[in-house]
Amino acid sequence: MTVAELKRFPKDTKQSFEAILVLRKVAIKKAKNGSPFLTVELGDKSGLFHIVCFENSINFQIFSDLDPGAIVAVSGATGYYQNRFSPQVNTVTLVPPEQREKYADQLVESAPEDVNELAAELNRYVSEMSHEGLKITVRSALDELGDDFLTMPGAISMHHAYRGGLLEHTVRMVRNCRALLPLHPEIHDDLAIAGIILHDIGKCLEYSGVLGTQRTRNGILNGHVVLGYRQARRSAIQAKLSDDLRDRLEHIILSHQGELEWGAAVKAATPEAVFVSMIDNLDAKMGMVQNALRNTSPDDQFSEFIPGLGAPLLVSPIQEEEPAPPEHSLSADDLSSL
């Protein structure tokens, strides 16, 4: 069974299941009494869920010995905890390495839009840039990273956290940018577009892994903001971009997270940096919305709690029917007497 199928069972029943899943994340934590426990994230291309394994359980040792990206066969029963899908997992068996390939397609979630079409659209946006120095800078940076930019997720968990998510997030940001540019003549068009295309390019160096995305050594030590700044700076110098434009492009990358507590190196301090950071925040939030709409059971009125939004999302469709008129409407005279 897929994760999506498991979540469709009624919440007040326990349904036995077997599933092939990929281990996405595992972290060891301590309870208030000092005893260790694991939080484990399992999933497939249709969705994910979390379970907790306590020290005295068999699964504690199994998951402790596995790395993210491991494929496991699990059995258990559906269940919920605080309105979040949290099944009981009874058995866990590692799928042998020689069988991993046959399960890859059903385990790796991909961008809803066709990646080849997204790549062609991105290339068109670069080709349509009129500023030659910015165009060469962007093209050089993309060429250096190659297919990694096309396949990398946009994040590990928050938004666009699937294969091709970085490309999808980038293209959708450029779409938003081009739609808004006519309303903001103060913005340098090509500088904003270059900043959008390169703003998250450091994630190609921050992340690794196809089945279970992890942060690389450089990703942990530097983060994608710094890594992206370095990549863009090197490409800009090679393209002989003016010092002023290079400073402004680098500033977009350093400030695009918006707030220092969200990972920005500095606060946005140019028109283009403010513009890009707002578009980034918009598409990140809407990516969370779209993911919840795709992965929440049609029987549910609300999604599970979404940390990035700070709330569950109302996913039930808008009711289009007009309300029936009251049986006894007030006359003009009645209204005037109120």
Protein backbone atom coordinates (compact mmCIF):
# COMPACT_ATOMS: atom_id res chain seq x y z
CA MET A 1 0.00 0.00 0.00
CA THR A 2 1.07 3.58 -0.58
CA VAL A 3 1.08 6.23 2.14
CA ALA A 4 -1.78 8.03 0.40
CA GLU A 5 -3.87 4.83 0.45
CA LEU A 6 -3.15 4.28 4.14
CA LYS A 7 -4.33 7.78 5.01
CA ARG A 8 -7.68 7.17 3.31
CA PHE A 9 -8.79 4.59 5.87
CA PRO A 10 -11.24 5.92 8.49
CA LYS A 11 -9.47 7.47 11.47
CA ASP A 12 -11.52 5.53 13.99
CA THR A 13 -10.46 2.11 12.66
CA LYS A 14 -7.21 0.16 12.66
CA GLN A 15 -6.30 -1.34 9.29
CA SER A 16 -3.44 -3.82 8.95
CA PHE A 17 -1.03 -3.01 6.14
CA GLU A 18 2.23 -3.87 4.42
CA ALA A 19 4.23 -1.28 2.51
CA ILE A 20 7.57 -0.60 0.86
CA LEU A 21 8.88 2.75 2.09
CA VAL A 22 12.04 4.82 2.09
CA LEU A 23 13.63 6.05 5.31
CA ARG A 24 13.78 9.83 4.87
CA LYS A 25 15.01 10.98 8.27
CA VAL A 26 15.89 9.51 11.64
CA ALA A 27 16.86 11.52 14.71
CA ILE A 28 17.63 10.49 18.27
CA LYS A 29 16.10 12.55 21.09
CA LYS A 30 15.74 12.34 24.85
CA ALA A 31 12.54 12.15 26.87
CA LYS A 32 12.06 14.18 30.05
CA ASN A 33 13.22 11.19 32.10
CA GLY A 34 16.47 11.04 30.10
CA SER A 35 15.67 7.89 28.11
CA PRO A 36 16.42 8.07 24.37
CA PHE A 37 13.87 7.66 21.59
CA LEU A 38 13.89 7.98 17.81
CA THR A 39 11.73 10.11 15.55
CA VAL A 40 11.52 8.39 12.18
CA GLU A 41 10.19 9.79 8.89
CA LEU A 42 9.06 7.20 6.34
CA GLY A 43 7.42 7.78 2.99
CA ASP A 44 6.97 7.12 -0.69
CA LYS A 45 6.12 9.35 -3.64
CA SER A 46 2.53 9.76 -2.42
CA GLY A 47 3.37 11.17 1.01
CA LEU A 48 5.09 10.61 4.32
CA PHE A 49 4.46 10.02 8.02
CA HIS A 50 6.36 10.03 11.31
CA ILE A 51 6.65 7.40 14.01
CA VAL A 52 8.37 7.31 17.39
CA CYS A 53 10.50 4.35 18.48
CA PHE A 54 11.35 3.99 22.16
CA GLU A 55 14.56 2.44 23.43
CA ASN A 56 12.90 -0.78 24.53
CA SER A 57 11.39 -1.51 21.10
CA ILE A 58 12.90 -3.80 18.47
CA ASN A 59 12.57 -1.07 15.83
CA PHE A 60 14.76 1.32 17.84
CA GLN A 61 17.89 -0.68 17.06
CA ILE A 62 16.84 -1.37 13.46
CA PHE A 63 16.35 2.30 12.59
CA SER A 64 19.44 3.31 14.60
CA ASP A 65 21.56 1.22 12.23
CA LEU A 66 20.01 2.58 9.01
CA ASP A 67 20.92 5.69 7.00
CA PRO A 68 18.45 7.98 5.22
CA GLY A 69 17.69 6.55 1.79
CA ALA A 70 17.37 2.97 3.03
CA ILE A 71 14.39 1.10 1.59
CA VAL A 72 12.41 -0.96 4.08
CA ALA A 73 9.44 -3.31 4.02
CA VAL A 74 7.16 -2.55 6.96
CA SER A 75 3.98 -4.03 8.37
CA GLY A 76 1.67 -2.59 10.98
CA ALA A 77 -1.71 -0.99 11.56
CA THR A 78 -3.03 2.47 10.77
CA GLY A 79 -3.52 4.93 13.60
CA TYR A 80 -3.57 8.60 14.56
CA TYR A 81 -2.00 10.63 17.34
CA GLN A 82 -3.17 14.20 18.02
CA ASN A 83 -4.94 14.13 14.65
CA ARG A 84 -1.72 13.27 12.78
CA PHE A 85 -1.36 10.00 10.88
CA SER A 86 1.00 7.93 13.02
CA PRO A 87 0.66 4.20 12.38
CA GLN A 88 1.84 1.38 14.57
CA VAL A 89 4.81 -0.27 12.86
CA ASN A 90 5.28 -3.88 13.93
CA THR A 91 8.01 -5.23 11.65
CA VAL A 92 10.78 -3.58 9.65
CA THR A 93 12.91 -5.42 7.09
CA LEU A 94 15.67 -3.88 5.00
CA VAL A 95 15.18 -4.33 1.25
CA PRO A 96 18.39 -5.83 -0.25
CA PRO A 97 20.52 -3.43 -2.34
CA GLU A 98 19.97 -5.46 -5.51
CA GLN A 99 16.21 -4.81 -5.27
CA ARG A 100 16.40 -1.05 -4.65
CA GLU A 101 16.16 -0.08 -8.30
CA LYS A 102 12.79 -1.71 -8.88
CA TYR A 103 11.20 0.33 -6.09
CA ALA A 104 12.81 3.69 -6.88
CA ASP A 105 10.02 5.04 -9.09
CA GLN A 106 7.29 4.38 -6.51
CA LEU A 107 9.31 5.89 -3.66
CA VAL A 108 10.71 9.14 -5.05
CA GLU A 109 8.19 11.96 -5.25
CA SER A 110 8.74 14.23 -8.26
CA ALA A 111 7.60 17.71 -9.21
CA PRO A 112 3.99 17.68 -10.45
CA GLU A 113 5.06 19.50 -13.61
CA ASP A 114 7.17 17.77 -16.26
CA VAL A 115 10.84 18.39 -15.44
CA ASN A 116 11.88 18.53 -19.10
CA GLU A 117 9.28 21.18 -19.81
CA LEU A 118 10.35 23.15 -16.74
CA ALA A 119 13.99 23.00 -17.89
CA ALA A 120 13.05 24.24 -21.35
CA GLU A 121 11.05 27.08 -19.82
CA LEU A 122 13.97 28.08 -17.61
CA ASN A 123 16.33 28.07 -20.59
CA ARG A 124 13.93 30.32 -22.44
CA TYR A 125 13.89 32.80 -19.58
CA VAL A 126 17.70 32.92 -19.60
CA SER A 127 17.80 33.37 -23.39
CA GLU A 128 15.34 36.27 -23.17
CA MET A 129 17.52 38.24 -20.75
CA SER A 130 18.74 41.39 -22.52
CA HIS A 131 21.68 42.22 -20.23
CA GLU A 132 24.57 40.21 -21.65
CA GLY A 133 26.68 40.16 -18.48
CA LEU A 134 23.84 38.87 -16.31
CA LYS A 135 22.85 36.33 -18.95
CA ILE A 136 26.41 34.96 -19.16
CA THR A 137 26.64 34.85 -15.35
CA VAL A 138 23.45 32.86 -15.00
CA ARG A 139 24.26 30.51 -17.87
CA SER A 140 27.76 29.85 -16.50
CA ALA A 141 26.47 29.01 -13.02
CA LEU A 142 23.77 26.67 -14.36
CA ASP A 143 26.17 24.93 -16.74
CA GLU A 144 28.67 24.31 -13.95
CA LEU A 145 26.05 22.49 -11.83
CA GLY A 146 24.55 20.57 -14.77
CA ASP A 147 21.75 18.10 -14.08
CA ASP A 148 21.97 18.61 -10.31
CA PHE A 149 19.94 21.81 -10.72
CA LEU A 150 17.23 19.86 -12.59
CA THR A 151 16.88 17.03 -10.06
CA MET A 152 17.62 18.56 -6.66
CA PRO A 153 14.73 19.05 -4.18
CA GLY A 154 13.83 22.58 -3.15
CA ALA A 155 14.19 21.66 0.53
CA ILE A 156 14.45 18.63 2.80
CA SER A 157 11.00 19.05 4.31
CA MET A 158 9.52 22.57 4.25
CA HIS A 159 8.52 23.19 0.61
CA HIS A 160 9.11 21.65 -2.83
CA ALA A 161 10.78 18.76 -0.98
CA TYR A 162 10.88 16.31 -3.88
CA ARG A 163 12.92 15.47 -6.97
CA GLY A 164 12.91 18.47 -9.31
CA GLY A 165 11.53 20.72 -6.57
CA LEU A 166 14.34 23.27 -6.87
CA LEU A 167 13.74 23.66 -10.60
CA GLU A 168 9.97 23.89 -10.11
CA HIS A 169 10.34 26.48 -7.33
CA THR A 170 12.74 28.55 -9.46
CA VAL A 171 10.56 28.52 -12.59
CA ARG A 172 7.43 29.40 -10.64
CA MET A 173 9.25 32.30 -9.02
CA VAL A 174 10.28 33.62 -12.45
CA ARG A 175 6.65 33.34 -13.60
CA ASN A 176 5.55 35.40 -10.60
CA CYS A 177 8.35 37.88 -11.21
CA ARG A 178 7.47 38.45 -14.87
CA ALA A 179 3.80 38.93 -13.97
CA LEU A 180 4.66 41.54 -11.31
CA LEU A 181 7.42 43.46 -13.09
CA PRO A 182 4.99 45.73 -15.01
CA LEU A 183 3.67 46.93 -11.64
CA HIS A 184 7.16 47.77 -10.33
CA PRO A 185 9.13 49.96 -12.77
CA GLU A 186 11.72 50.58 -10.03
CA ILE A 187 12.95 46.98 -10.43
CA HIS A 188 15.79 46.09 -12.82
CA ASP A 189 14.15 43.25 -14.75
CA ASP A 190 17.18 41.14 -15.61
CA LEU A 191 18.79 41.62 -12.21
CA ALA A 192 15.65 40.37 -10.47
CA ILE A 193 15.37 37.37 -12.83
CA ALA A 194 19.06 36.54 -12.43
CA GLY A 195 18.69 36.78 -8.66
CA ILE A 196 15.70 34.43 -8.71
CA ILE A 197 17.41 31.83 -10.87
CA LEU A 198 20.53 31.87 -8.69
CA HIS A 199 18.97 32.51 -5.25
CA ASP A 200 18.83 28.82 -4.22
CA ILE A 201 21.60 27.50 -6.45
CA GLY A 202 23.63 26.65 -3.35
CA LYS A 203 21.16 23.85 -2.59
CA CYS A 204 22.83 21.83 -5.34
CA LEU A 205 25.89 21.81 -3.07
CA GLU A 206 24.04 21.70 0.25
CA TYR A 207 22.06 18.50 -0.46
CA SER A 208 22.88 15.00 -1.66
CA GLY A 209 20.99 11.76 -2.14
CA VAL A 210 18.07 10.73 -4.30
CA LEU A 211 15.97 8.46 -2.05
CA GLY A 212 16.76 10.23 1.20
CA THR A 213 18.03 13.79 0.88
CA GLN A 214 20.74 14.75 3.37
CA ARG A 215 22.88 17.80 3.93
CA THR A 216 26.47 17.49 2.77
CA ARG A 217 29.48 18.43 4.87
CA ASN A 218 29.69 21.80 3.11
CA GLY A 219 25.94 22.18 3.49
CA ILE A 220 26.19 21.81 7.25
CA LEU A 221 29.27 24.01 7.61
CA ASN A 222 28.20 26.79 5.24
CA GLY A 223 24.53 26.46 4.21
CA HIS A 224 23.04 27.10 0.80
CA VAL A 225 23.06 30.90 1.14
CA VAL A 226 26.85 31.09 1.43
CA LEU A 227 27.41 28.29 -1.08
CA GLY A 228 25.14 30.00 -3.59
CA TYR A 229 26.84 33.36 -3.03
CA ARG A 230 30.23 31.79 -3.79
CA GLN A 231 28.93 30.07 -6.92
CA ALA A 232 27.31 33.23 -8.26
CA ARG A 233 30.34 35.38 -7.42
CA ARG A 234 32.69 33.08 -9.30
CA SER A 235 30.42 33.07 -12.37
CA ALA A 236 29.96 36.86 -12.22
CA ILE A 237 33.72 37.47 -12.08
CA GLN A 238 34.27 35.14 -15.05
CA ALA A 239 31.55 37.00 -16.97
CA LYS A 240 33.24 40.35 -16.14
CA LEU A 241 30.02 41.65 -14.61
CA SER A 242 30.40 45.21 -13.28
CA ASP A 243 31.28 45.57 -9.61
CA ASP A 244 27.97 47.29 -8.88
CA LEU A 245 25.81 44.64 -10.54
CA ARG A 246 27.85 41.86 -8.95
CA ASP A 247 27.36 43.40 -5.51
CA ARG A 248 23.61 43.70 -6.09
CA LEU A 249 23.30 40.14 -7.41
CA GLU A 250 25.26 38.74 -4.49
CA HIS A 251 23.10 40.74 -2.08
CA ILE A 252 19.92 39.15 -3.48
CA ILE A 253 21.32 35.70 -2.70
CA LEU A 254 22.58 36.69 0.75
CA SER A 255 19.26 38.25 1.77
CA HIS A 256 16.64 36.13 -0.01
CA GLN A 257 15.62 34.22 3.15
CA GLY A 258 14.04 37.45 4.33
CA GLU A 259 14.78 37.29 8.05
CA LEU A 260 18.05 36.62 9.87
CA GLU A 261 16.35 33.96 12.00
CA TRP A 262 15.25 32.21 8.80
CA GLY A 263 18.83 31.94 7.52
CA ALA A 264 19.40 35.23 5.68
CA ALA A 265 22.97 36.53 5.98
CA VAL A 266 21.70 40.13 5.80
CA LYS A 267 18.38 41.92 5.51
CA ALA A 268 17.24 42.85 2.00
CA ALA A 269 18.48 46.39 1.24
CA THR A 270 17.96 46.92 -2.49
CA PRO A 271 14.70 47.11 -4.48
CA GLU A 272 15.49 43.83 -6.26
CA ALA A 273 16.45 42.02 -3.04
CA VAL A 274 13.20 43.02 -1.34
CA PHE A 275 11.26 41.99 -4.46
CA VAL A 276 12.95 38.57 -4.75
CA SER A 277 12.66 37.74 -1.05
CA MET A 278 8.90 38.44 -1.14
CA ILE A 279 8.41 36.28 -4.24
CA ASP A 280 10.48 33.51 -2.64
CA ASN A 281 8.32 33.59 0.48
CA LEU A 282 5.14 33.60 -1.59
CA ASP A 283 6.10 30.58 -3.69
CA ALA A 284 7.44 28.67 -0.67
CA LYS A 285 4.16 29.17 1.20
CA MET A 286 2.05 28.30 -1.85
CA GLY A 287 4.21 25.22 -2.41
CA MET A 288 3.16 24.08 1.08
CA VAL A 289 -0.47 24.80 0.21
CA GLN A 290 -0.30 22.88 -3.07
CA ASN A 291 1.41 19.92 -1.41
CA ALA A 292 -1.31 19.77 1.27
CA LEU A 293 -4.03 19.92 -1.37
CA ARG A 294 -2.39 17.06 -3.30
CA ASN A 295 -1.71 14.80 -0.33
CA THR A 296 -4.64 15.26 2.05
CA SER A 297 -7.45 12.72 1.84
CA PRO A 298 -10.54 14.09 0.04
CA ASP A 299 -12.56 12.96 3.07
CA ASP A 300 -10.71 15.40 5.37
CA GLN A 301 -11.73 19.01 5.79
CA PHE A 302 -8.29 20.08 7.05
CA SER A 303 -4.74 18.93 6.36
CA GLU A 304 -2.36 17.97 9.12
CA PHE A 305 -0.62 20.86 10.89
CA ILE A 306 1.86 22.55 8.51
CA PRO A 307 4.81 24.01 10.47
CA GLY A 308 5.72 26.50 7.73
CA LEU A 309 2.21 27.95 7.81
CA GLY A 310 1.73 27.63 11.55
CA ALA A 311 -1.68 26.03 11.02
CA PRO A 312 -3.51 23.18 9.30
CA LEU A 313 -4.93 24.08 5.89
CA LEU A 314 -8.60 24.05 4.98
CA VAL A 315 -8.58 21.75 1.95
CA SER A 316 -12.29 21.16 1.37
CA PRO A 317 -13.50 22.83 -1.85
CA ILE A 318 -15.35 26.13 -1.85
CA GLN A 319 -19.12 25.66 -1.83
CA GLU A 320 -20.46 27.52 -4.86
CA GLU A 321 -24.19 27.18 -4.13
CA GLU A 322 -26.01 30.40 -3.26
CA PRO A 323 -27.79 30.29 0.11
CA ALA A 324 -31.55 29.84 -0.10
CA PRO A 325 -33.51 33.10 0.45
CA PRO A 326 -35.35 33.38 3.79
CA GLU A 327 -38.99 32.36 3.75
CA HIS A 328 -40.12 35.75 5.04
CA SER A 329 -38.07 38.67 3.77
CA LEU A 330 -38.36 42.12 5.29
CA SER A 331 -40.17 44.84 3.32
CA ALA A 332 -38.79 48.37 2.83
CA ASP A 333 -41.20 49.61 5.52
CA ASP A 334 -39.95 46.97 7.93
CA LEU A 335 -36.35 47.98 7.29
CA SER A 336 -37.07 51.68 7.78
CA SER A 337 -38.60 50.98 11.18
CA LEU A 338 -35.49 49.21 12.47
